[in-house]
PDB file of N, CA and C in Angstrom:
ATOM      1  N   MET A   1     -29.341 -20.716 -12.000  1.00  0.00           N
ATOM      2  CA  MET A   1     -28.466 -21.849 -12.188  1.00  0.00           C
ATOM      3  C   MET A   1     -28.715 -22.837 -11.056  1.00  0.00           C
ATOM      4  N   ASN A   2     -29.442 -23.871 -11.357  1.00  0.00           N
ATOM      5  CA  ASN A   2     -29.741 -24.912 -10.378  1.00  0.00           C
ATOM      6  C   ASN A   2     -29.072 -26.203 -10.812  1.00  0.00           C
ATOM      7  N   ILE A   3     -27.861 -26.396 -10.351  1.00  0.00           N
ATOM      8  CA  ILE A   3     -27.114 -27.605 -10.668  1.00  0.00           C
ATOM      9  C   ILE A   3     -26.995 -28.414  -9.390  1.00  0.00           C
ATOM     10  N   ASP A   4     -27.321 -29.682  -9.493  1.00  0.00           N
ATOM     11  CA  ASP A   4     -27.200 -30.579  -8.347  1.00  0.00           C
ATOM     12  C   ASP A   4     -25.735 -30.668  -7.938  1.00  0.00           C
ATOM     13  N   LYS A   5     -25.459 -30.314  -6.691  1.00  0.00           N
ATOM     14  CA  LYS A   5     -24.070 -30.287  -6.219  1.00  0.00           C
ATOM     15  C   LYS A   5     -23.475 -31.677  -6.087  1.00  0.00           C
ATOM     16  N   LYS A   6     -24.310 -32.696  -6.114  1.00  0.00           N
ATOM     17  CA  LYS A   6     -23.811 -34.065  -6.017  1.00  0.00           C
ATOM     18  C   LYS A   6     -23.616 -34.702  -7.388  1.00  0.00           C
ATOM     19  N   LYS A   7     -23.928 -33.947  -8.430  1.00  0.00           N
ATOM     20  CA  LYS A   7     -23.792 -34.443  -9.800  1.00  0.00           C
ATOM     21  C   LYS A   7     -22.303 -34.508 -10.161  1.00  0.00           C
ATOM     22  N   PRO A   8     -21.830 -35.637 -10.674  1.00  0.00           N
ATOM     23  CA  PRO A   8     -20.416 -35.733 -11.062  1.00  0.00           C
ATOM     24  C   PRO A   8     -20.072 -34.735 -12.170  1.00  0.00           C
ATOM     25  N   LEU A   9     -18.875 -34.214 -12.111  1.00  0.00           N
ATOM     26  CA  LEU A   9     -18.423 -33.213 -13.077  1.00  0.00           C
ATOM     27  C   LEU A   9     -18.526 -33.719 -14.513  1.00  0.00           C
ATOM     28  N   LEU A  10     -18.245 -34.991 -14.725  1.00  0.00           N
ATOM     29  CA  LEU A  10     -18.287 -35.547 -16.079  1.00  0.00           C
ATOM     30  C   LEU A  10     -19.700 -35.624 -16.648  1.00  0.00           C
ATOM     31  N   GLN A  11     -20.709 -35.478 -15.805  1.00  0.00           N
ATOM     32  CA  GLN A  11     -22.090 -35.551 -16.274  1.00  0.00           C
ATOM     33  C   GLN A  11     -22.684 -34.173 -16.560  1.00  0.00           C
ATOM     34  N   LEU A  12     -21.913 -33.108 -16.355  1.00  0.00           N
ATOM     35  CA  LEU A  12     -22.417 -31.761 -16.639  1.00  0.00           C
ATOM     36  C   LEU A  12     -22.525 -31.547 -18.144  1.00  0.00           C
ATOM     37  N   THR A  13     -23.532 -30.802 -18.544  1.00  0.00           N
ATOM     38  CA  THR A  13     -23.617 -30.399 -19.941  1.00  0.00           C
ATOM     39  C   THR A  13     -22.625 -29.248 -20.154  1.00  0.00           C
ATOM     40  N   VAL A  14     -22.356 -28.922 -21.386  1.00  0.00           N
ATOM     41  CA  VAL A  14     -21.447 -27.814 -21.687  1.00  0.00           C
ATOM     42  C   VAL A  14     -22.007 -26.514 -21.119  1.00  0.00           C
ATOM     43  N   GLY A  15     -23.294 -26.318 -21.251  1.00  0.00           N
ATOM     44  CA  GLY A  15     -23.925 -25.111 -20.728  1.00  0.00           C
ATOM     45  C   GLY A  15     -23.799 -24.998 -19.222  1.00  0.00           C
ATOM     46  N   GLU A  16     -24.014 -26.108 -18.526  1.00  0.00           N
ATOM     47  CA  GLU A  16     -23.870 -26.100 -17.070  1.00  0.00           C
ATOM     48  C   GLU A  16     -22.433 -25.799 -16.657  1.00  0.00           C
ATOM     49  N   PHE A  17     -21.492 -26.381 -17.374  1.00  0.00           N
ATOM     50  CA  PHE A  17     -20.077 -26.140 -17.073  1.00  0.00           C
ATOM     51  C   PHE A  17     -19.711 -24.677 -17.290  1.00  0.00           C
ATOM     52  N   LEU A  18     -20.184 -24.094 -18.393  1.00  0.00           N
ATOM     53  CA  LEU A  18     -19.896 -22.689 -18.661  1.00  0.00           C
ATOM     54  C   LEU A  18     -20.551 -21.779 -17.632  1.00  0.00           C
ATOM     55  N   ASP A  19     -21.752 -22.124 -17.195  1.00  0.00           N
ATOM     56  CA  ASP A  19     -22.417 -21.347 -16.148  1.00  0.00           C
ATOM     57  C   ASP A  19     -21.616 -21.385 -14.852  1.00  0.00           C
ATOM     58  N   LEU A  20     -21.061 -22.539 -14.526  1.00  0.00           N
ATOM     59  CA  LEU A  20     -20.229 -22.653 -13.324  1.00  0.00           C
ATOM     60  C   LEU A  20     -18.978 -21.796 -13.434  1.00  0.00           C
ATOM     61  N   GLN A  21     -18.374 -21.786 -14.614  1.00  0.00           N
ATOM     62  CA  GLN A  21     -17.169 -20.970 -14.812  1.00  0.00           C
ATOM     63  C   GLN A  21     -17.483 -19.488 -14.670  1.00  0.00           C
ATOM     64  N   LYS A  22     -18.587 -19.050 -15.252  1.00  0.00           N
ATOM     65  CA  LYS A  22     -18.974 -17.641 -15.160  1.00  0.00           C
ATOM     66  C   LYS A  22     -19.265 -17.255 -13.716  1.00  0.00           C
ATOM     67  N   ALA A  23     -19.911 -18.139 -12.988  1.00  0.00           N
ATOM     68  CA  ALA A  23     -20.264 -17.857 -11.601  1.00  0.00           C
ATOM     69  C   ALA A  23     -19.030 -17.778 -10.713  1.00  0.00           C
ATOM     70  N   SER A  24     -18.012 -18.567 -11.034  1.00  0.00           N
ATOM     71  CA  SER A  24     -16.826 -18.586 -10.181  1.00  0.00           C
ATOM     72  C   SER A  24     -15.791 -17.548 -10.598  1.00  0.00           C
ATOM     73  N   ALA A  25     -15.913 -17.026 -11.799  1.00  0.00           N
ATOM     74  CA  ALA A  25     -14.954 -16.028 -12.261  1.00  0.00           C
ATOM     75  C   ALA A  25     -15.193 -14.714 -11.530  1.00  0.00           C
ATOM     76  N   THR A  26     -14.135 -14.149 -11.020  1.00  0.00           N
ATOM     77  CA  THR A  26     -14.252 -12.866 -10.338  1.00  0.00           C
ATOM     78  C   THR A  26     -13.574 -11.804 -11.176  1.00  0.00           C
ATOM     79  N   GLU A  27     -14.089 -10.607 -11.066  1.00  0.00           N
ATOM     80  CA  GLU A  27     -13.525  -9.494 -11.818  1.00  0.00           C
ATOM     81  C   GLU A  27     -12.160  -9.142 -11.244  1.00  0.00           C
ATOM     82  N   LYS A  28     -11.272  -8.747 -12.118  1.00  0.00           N
ATOM     83  CA  LYS A  28      -9.944  -8.346 -11.690  1.00  0.00           C
ATOM     84  C   LYS A  28     -10.050  -7.176 -10.715  1.00  0.00           C
ATOM     85  N   LYS A  29      -9.405  -7.303  -9.568  1.00  0.00           N
ATOM     86  CA  LYS A  29      -9.540  -6.302  -8.522  1.00  0.00           C
ATOM     87  C   LYS A  29      -8.447  -5.241  -8.571  1.00  0.00           C
ATOM     88  N   TYR A  30      -7.422  -5.457  -9.380  1.00  0.00           N
ATOM     89  CA  TYR A  30      -6.301  -4.540  -9.377  1.00  0.00           C
ATOM     90  C   TYR A  30      -5.967  -4.074 -10.789  1.00  0.00           C
ATOM     91  N   GLU A  31      -5.434  -2.860 -10.878  1.00  0.00           N
ATOM     92  CA  GLU A  31      -4.859  -2.341 -12.111  1.00  0.00           C
ATOM     93  C   GLU A  31      -3.403  -2.028 -11.806  1.00  0.00           C
ATOM     94  N   TYR A  32      -2.599  -2.010 -12.832  1.00  0.00           N
ATOM     95  CA  TYR A  32      -1.165  -1.821 -12.649  1.00  0.00           C
ATOM     96  C   TYR A  32      -0.674  -0.646 -13.485  1.00  0.00           C
ATOM     97  N   GLY A  33       0.091   0.243 -12.854  1.00  0.00           N
ATOM     98  CA  GLY A  33       0.734   1.351 -13.544  1.00  0.00           C
ATOM     99  C   GLY A  33      -0.221   2.475 -13.898  1.00  0.00           C
ATOM    100  N   LEU A  34       0.365   3.535 -14.432  1.00  0.00           N
ATOM    101  CA  LEU A  34      -0.437   4.691 -14.854  1.00  0.00           C
ATOM    102  C   LEU A  34      -1.360   4.335 -16.008  1.00  0.00           C
ATOM    103  N   LYS A  35      -0.901   3.435 -16.856  1.00  0.00           N
ATOM    104  CA  LYS A  35      -1.740   3.006 -17.978  1.00  0.00           C
ATOM    105  C   LYS A  35      -3.011   2.322 -17.469  1.00  0.00           C
ATOM    106  N   GLY A  36      -2.876   1.478 -16.448  1.00  0.00           N
ATOM    107  CA  GLY A  36      -4.034   0.817 -15.856  1.00  0.00           C
ATOM    108  C   GLY A  36      -4.964   1.802 -15.164  1.00  0.00           C
ATOM    109  N   LEU A  37      -4.376   2.787 -14.471  1.00  0.00           N
ATOM    110  CA  LEU A  37      -5.189   3.819 -13.816  1.00  0.00           C
ATOM    111  C   LEU A  37      -5.947   4.630 -14.863  1.00  0.00           C
ATOM    112  N   ALA A  38      -5.272   4.979 -15.946  1.00  0.00           N
ATOM    113  CA  ALA A  38      -5.924   5.736 -17.018  1.00  0.00           C
ATOM    114  C   ALA A  38      -7.058   4.936 -17.641  1.00  0.00           C
ATOM    115  N   LYS A  39      -6.839   3.638 -17.853  1.00  0.00           N
ATOM    116  CA  LYS A  39      -7.881   2.781 -18.418  1.00  0.00           C
ATOM    117  C   LYS A  39      -9.080   2.711 -17.474  1.00  0.00           C
ATOM    118  N   MET A  40      -8.796   2.581 -16.177  1.00  0.00           N
ATOM    119  CA  MET A  40      -9.852   2.479 -15.181  1.00  0.00           C
ATOM    120  C   MET A  40     -10.686   3.759 -15.121  1.00  0.00           C
ATOM    121  N   LEU A  41     -10.034   4.907 -15.220  1.00  0.00           N
ATOM    122  CA  LEU A  41     -10.715   6.196 -15.112  1.00  0.00           C
ATOM    123  C   LEU A  41     -11.223   6.715 -16.450  1.00  0.00           C
ATOM    124  N   GLY A  42     -10.768   6.116 -17.544  1.00  0.00           N
ATOM    125  CA  GLY A  42     -11.194   6.572 -18.862  1.00  0.00           C
ATOM    126  C   GLY A  42     -10.596   7.911 -19.234  1.00  0.00           C
ATOM    127  N   CYS A  43      -9.319   8.094 -18.905  1.00  0.00           N
ATOM    128  CA  CYS A  43      -8.650   9.356 -19.203  1.00  0.00           C
ATOM    129  C   CYS A  43      -7.265   9.071 -19.777  1.00  0.00           C
ATOM    130  N   SER A  44      -6.516  10.129 -20.071  1.00  0.00           N
ATOM    131  CA  SER A  44      -5.166   9.966 -20.608  1.00  0.00           C
ATOM    132  C   SER A  44      -4.198   9.598 -19.485  1.00  0.00           C
ATOM    133  N   ARG A  45      -3.023   9.111 -19.870  1.00  0.00           N
ATOM    134  CA  ARG A  45      -2.011   8.770 -18.876  1.00  0.00           C
ATOM    135  C   ARG A  45      -1.525  10.011 -18.141  1.00  0.00           C
ATOM    136  N   SER A  46      -1.451  11.139 -18.832  1.00  0.00           N
ATOM    137  CA  SER A  46      -0.992  12.361 -18.163  1.00  0.00           C
ATOM    138  C   SER A  46      -2.018  12.826 -17.121  1.00  0.00           C
ATOM    139  N   LYS A  47      -3.299  12.712 -17.433  1.00  0.00           N
ATOM    140  CA  LYS A  47      -4.345  13.079 -16.466  1.00  0.00           C
ATOM    141  C   LYS A  47      -4.342  12.094 -15.288  1.00  0.00           C
ATOM    142  N   ALA A  48      -4.106  10.806 -15.566  1.00  0.00           N
ATOM    143  CA  ALA A  48      -4.010   9.803 -14.504  1.00  0.00           C
ATOM    144  C   ALA A  48      -2.843  10.128 -13.577  1.00  0.00           C
ATOM    145  N   SER A  49      -1.759  10.590 -14.139  1.00  0.00           N
ATOM    146  CA  SER A  49      -0.591  10.983 -13.345  1.00  0.00           C
ATOM    147  C   SER A  49      -0.923  12.166 -12.439  1.00  0.00           C
ATOM    148  N   VAL A  50      -1.669  13.129 -12.963  1.00  0.00           N
ATOM    149  CA  VAL A  50      -2.080  14.294 -12.173  1.00  0.00           C
ATOM    150  C   VAL A  50      -2.978  13.850 -11.020  1.00  0.00           C
ATOM    151  N   ILE A  51      -3.924  12.956 -11.298  1.00  0.00           N
ATOM    152  CA  ILE A  51      -4.839  12.466 -10.267  1.00  0.00           C
ATOM    153  C   ILE A  51      -4.067  11.693  -9.204  1.00  0.00           C
ATOM    154  N   LYS A  52      -3.123  10.843  -9.634  1.00  0.00           N
ATOM    155  CA  LYS A  52      -2.311  10.079  -8.681  1.00  0.00           C
ATOM    156  C   LYS A  52      -1.483  11.016  -7.813  1.00  0.00           C
ATOM    157  N   SER A  53      -0.891  12.029  -8.413  1.00  0.00           N
ATOM    158  CA  SER A  53      -0.046  12.982  -7.682  1.00  0.00           C
ATOM    159  C   SER A  53      -0.841  13.863  -6.724  1.00  0.00           C
ATOM    160  N   SER A  54      -2.140  14.007  -6.960  1.00  0.00           N
ATOM    161  CA  SER A  54      -2.959  14.856  -6.104  1.00  0.00           C
ATOM    162  C   SER A  54      -3.096  14.291  -4.694  1.00  0.00           C
ATOM    163  N   GLY A  55      -2.900  12.980  -4.547  1.00  0.00           N
ATOM    164  CA  GLY A  55      -2.984  12.354  -3.234  1.00  0.00           C
ATOM    165  C   GLY A  55      -4.346  11.794  -2.893  1.00  0.00           C
ATOM    166  N   ILE A  56      -5.325  12.021  -3.757  1.00  0.00           N
ATOM    167  CA  ILE A  56      -6.685  11.534  -3.504  1.00  0.00           C
ATOM    168  C   ILE A  56      -6.713  10.012  -3.390  1.00  0.00           C
ATOM    169  N   LEU A  57      -5.909   9.340  -4.193  1.00  0.00           N
ATOM    170  CA  LEU A  57      -5.942   7.883  -4.255  1.00  0.00           C
ATOM    171  C   LEU A  57      -4.844   7.207  -3.442  1.00  0.00           C
ATOM    172  N   ASP A  58      -4.181   7.938  -2.566  1.00  0.00           N
ATOM    173  CA  ASP A  58      -3.050   7.379  -1.821  1.00  0.00           C
ATOM    174  C   ASP A  58      -3.398   6.097  -1.062  1.00  0.00           C
ATOM    175  N   ASP A  59      -4.585   6.014  -0.499  1.00  0.00           N
ATOM    176  CA  ASP A  59      -4.973   4.824   0.257  1.00  0.00           C
ATOM    177  C   ASP A  59      -5.244   3.620  -0.647  1.00  0.00           C
ATOM    178  N   ALA A  60      -5.442   3.848  -1.934  1.00  0.00           N
ATOM    179  CA  ALA A  60      -5.747   2.765  -2.864  1.00  0.00           C
ATOM    180  C   ALA A  60      -4.531   2.351  -3.685  1.00  0.00           C
ATOM    181  N   ILE A  61      -3.418   3.061  -3.533  1.00  0.00           N
ATOM    182  CA  ILE A  61      -2.244   2.821  -4.370  1.00  0.00           C
ATOM    183  C   ILE A  61      -1.077   2.341  -3.515  1.00  0.00           C
ATOM    184  N   VAL A  62      -0.428   1.296  -3.986  1.00  0.00           N
ATOM    185  CA  VAL A  62       0.817   0.827  -3.397  1.00  0.00           C
ATOM    186  C   VAL A  62       1.883   1.009  -4.469  1.00  0.00           C
ATOM    187  N   GLN A  63       2.961   1.674  -4.103  1.00  0.00           N
ATOM    188  CA  GLN A  63       4.023   1.901  -5.080  1.00  0.00           C
ATOM    189  C   GLN A  63       5.354   1.499  -4.474  1.00  0.00           C
ATOM    190  N   ASN A  64       6.121   0.722  -5.245  1.00  0.00           N
ATOM    191  CA  ASN A  64       7.466   0.316  -4.870  1.00  0.00           C
ATOM    192  C   ASN A  64       8.349   0.576  -6.081  1.00  0.00           C
ATOM    193  N   GLY A  65       9.090   1.675  -6.049  1.00  0.00           N
ATOM    194  CA  GLY A  65       9.871   2.056  -7.216  1.00  0.00           C
ATOM    195  C   GLY A  65       8.943   2.422  -8.355  1.00  0.00           C
ATOM    196  N   ASN A  66       9.118   1.757  -9.486  1.00  0.00           N
ATOM    197  CA  ASN A  66       8.273   2.033 -10.648  1.00  0.00           C
ATOM    198  C   ASN A  66       6.999   1.194 -10.681  1.00  0.00           C
ATOM    199  N   LEU A  67       6.896   0.211  -9.794  1.00  0.00           N
ATOM    200  CA  LEU A  67       5.721  -0.658  -9.761  1.00  0.00           C
ATOM    201  C   LEU A  67       4.585   0.029  -9.013  1.00  0.00           C
ATOM    202  N   ILE A  68       3.445   0.186  -9.696  1.00  0.00           N
ATOM    203  CA  ILE A  68       2.266   0.818  -9.110  1.00  0.00           C
ATOM    204  C   ILE A  68       1.114  -0.178  -9.176  1.00  0.00           C
ATOM    205  N   ILE A  69       0.499  -0.435  -8.021  1.00  0.00           N
ATOM    206  CA  ILE A  69      -0.653  -1.336  -7.953  1.00  0.00           C
ATOM    207  C   ILE A  69      -1.817  -0.554  -7.372  1.00  0.00           C
ATOM    208  N   ILE A  70      -2.951  -0.573  -8.091  1.00  0.00           N
ATOM    209  CA  ILE A  70      -4.129   0.186  -7.678  1.00  0.00           C
ATOM    210  C   ILE A  70      -5.260  -0.773  -7.340  1.00  0.00           C
ATOM    211  N   ASP A  71      -5.814  -0.651  -6.147  1.00  0.00           N
ATOM    212  CA  ASP A  71      -7.004  -1.405  -5.746  1.00  0.00           C
ATOM    213  C   ASP A  71      -8.196  -0.682  -6.359  1.00  0.00           C
ATOM    214  N   LYS A  72      -8.835  -1.316  -7.351  1.00  0.00           N
ATOM    215  CA  LYS A  72      -9.903  -0.658  -8.106  1.00  0.00           C
ATOM    216  C   LYS A  72     -11.081  -0.255  -7.236  1.00  0.00           C
ATOM    217  N   ASP A  73     -11.528  -1.154  -6.376  1.00  0.00           N
ATOM    218  CA  ASP A  73     -12.693  -0.853  -5.539  1.00  0.00           C
ATOM    219  C   ASP A  73     -12.415   0.316  -4.607  1.00  0.00           C
ATOM    220  N   LYS A  74     -11.263   0.294  -3.965  1.00  0.00           N
ATOM    221  CA  LYS A  74     -10.905   1.357  -3.025  1.00  0.00           C
ATOM    222  C   LYS A  74     -10.735   2.688  -3.759  1.00  0.00           C
ATOM    223  N   ALA A  75     -10.123   2.655  -4.944  1.00  0.00           N
ATOM    224  CA  ALA A  75      -9.917   3.882  -5.716  1.00  0.00           C
ATOM    225  C   ALA A  75     -11.248   4.509  -6.111  1.00  0.00           C
ATOM    226  N   MET A  76     -12.192   3.702  -6.561  1.00  0.00           N
ATOM    227  CA  MET A  76     -13.490   4.240  -6.951  1.00  0.00           C
ATOM    228  C   MET A  76     -14.233   4.795  -5.740  1.00  0.00           C
ATOM    229  N   GLN A  77     -14.093   4.139  -4.595  1.00  0.00           N
ATOM    230  CA  GLN A  77     -14.707   4.624  -3.365  1.00  0.00           C
ATOM    231  C   GLN A  77     -14.120   5.992  -2.984  1.00  0.00           C
ATOM    232  N   LEU A  78     -12.801   6.121  -3.064  1.00  0.00           N
ATOM    233  CA  LEU A  78     -12.146   7.381  -2.715  1.00  0.00           C
ATOM    234  C   LEU A  78     -12.528   8.501  -3.685  1.00  0.00           C
ATOM    235  N   LEU A  79     -12.641   8.157  -4.960  1.00  0.00           N
ATOM    236  CA  LEU A  79     -13.021   9.172  -5.950  1.00  0.00           C
ATOM    237  C   LEU A  79     -14.443   9.671  -5.720  1.00  0.00           C
ATOM    238  N   THR A  80     -15.345   8.795  -5.368  1.00  0.00           N
ATOM    239  CA  THR A  80     -16.724   9.225  -5.134  1.00  0.00           C
ATOM    240  C   THR A  80     -16.839  10.049  -3.850  1.00  0.00           C
ATOM    241  N   GLN A  81     -15.990   9.763  -2.873  1.00  0.00           N
ATOM    242  CA  GLN A  81     -16.007  10.541  -1.639  1.00  0.00           C
ATOM    243  C   GLN A  81     -15.445  11.944  -1.831  1.00  0.00           C
ATOM    244  N   ASN A  82     -14.511  12.082  -2.783  1.00  0.00           N
ATOM    245  CA  ASN A  82     -13.825  13.357  -2.975  1.00  0.00           C
ATOM    246  C   ASN A  82     -14.371  14.155  -4.153  1.00  0.00           C
ATOM    247  N   LYS A  83     -15.608  13.881  -4.567  1.00  0.00           N
ATOM    248  CA  LYS A  83     -16.223  14.673  -5.649  1.00  0.00           C
ATOM    249  C   LYS A  83     -16.337  16.116  -5.209  1.00  0.00           C
ATOM    250  N   LYS A  84     -16.100  17.005  -6.148  1.00  0.00           N
ATOM    251  CA  LYS A  84     -16.205  18.442  -5.833  1.00  0.00           C
ATOM    252  C   LYS A  84     -17.482  18.997  -6.389  1.00  0.00           C
TER     253      LYS A  84
END
């Protein structure tokens, strides 16, 4: 993607504009709740609950009451470190 940075936005082609959007879009870094953890790990919600309760992901999880926020990158790093 070689777009002249001095080119006015109104002069971009549709393709150039879409390329810029794709380049600036970042992947979602967080999952929420047991459902999000299960989706991230590709398992059932009950298995996600067991994994969360094991303590392996404690450094990647912030919980306040029923609200659970999981840092995806940190969780995957912790899971790979704790392979048996």
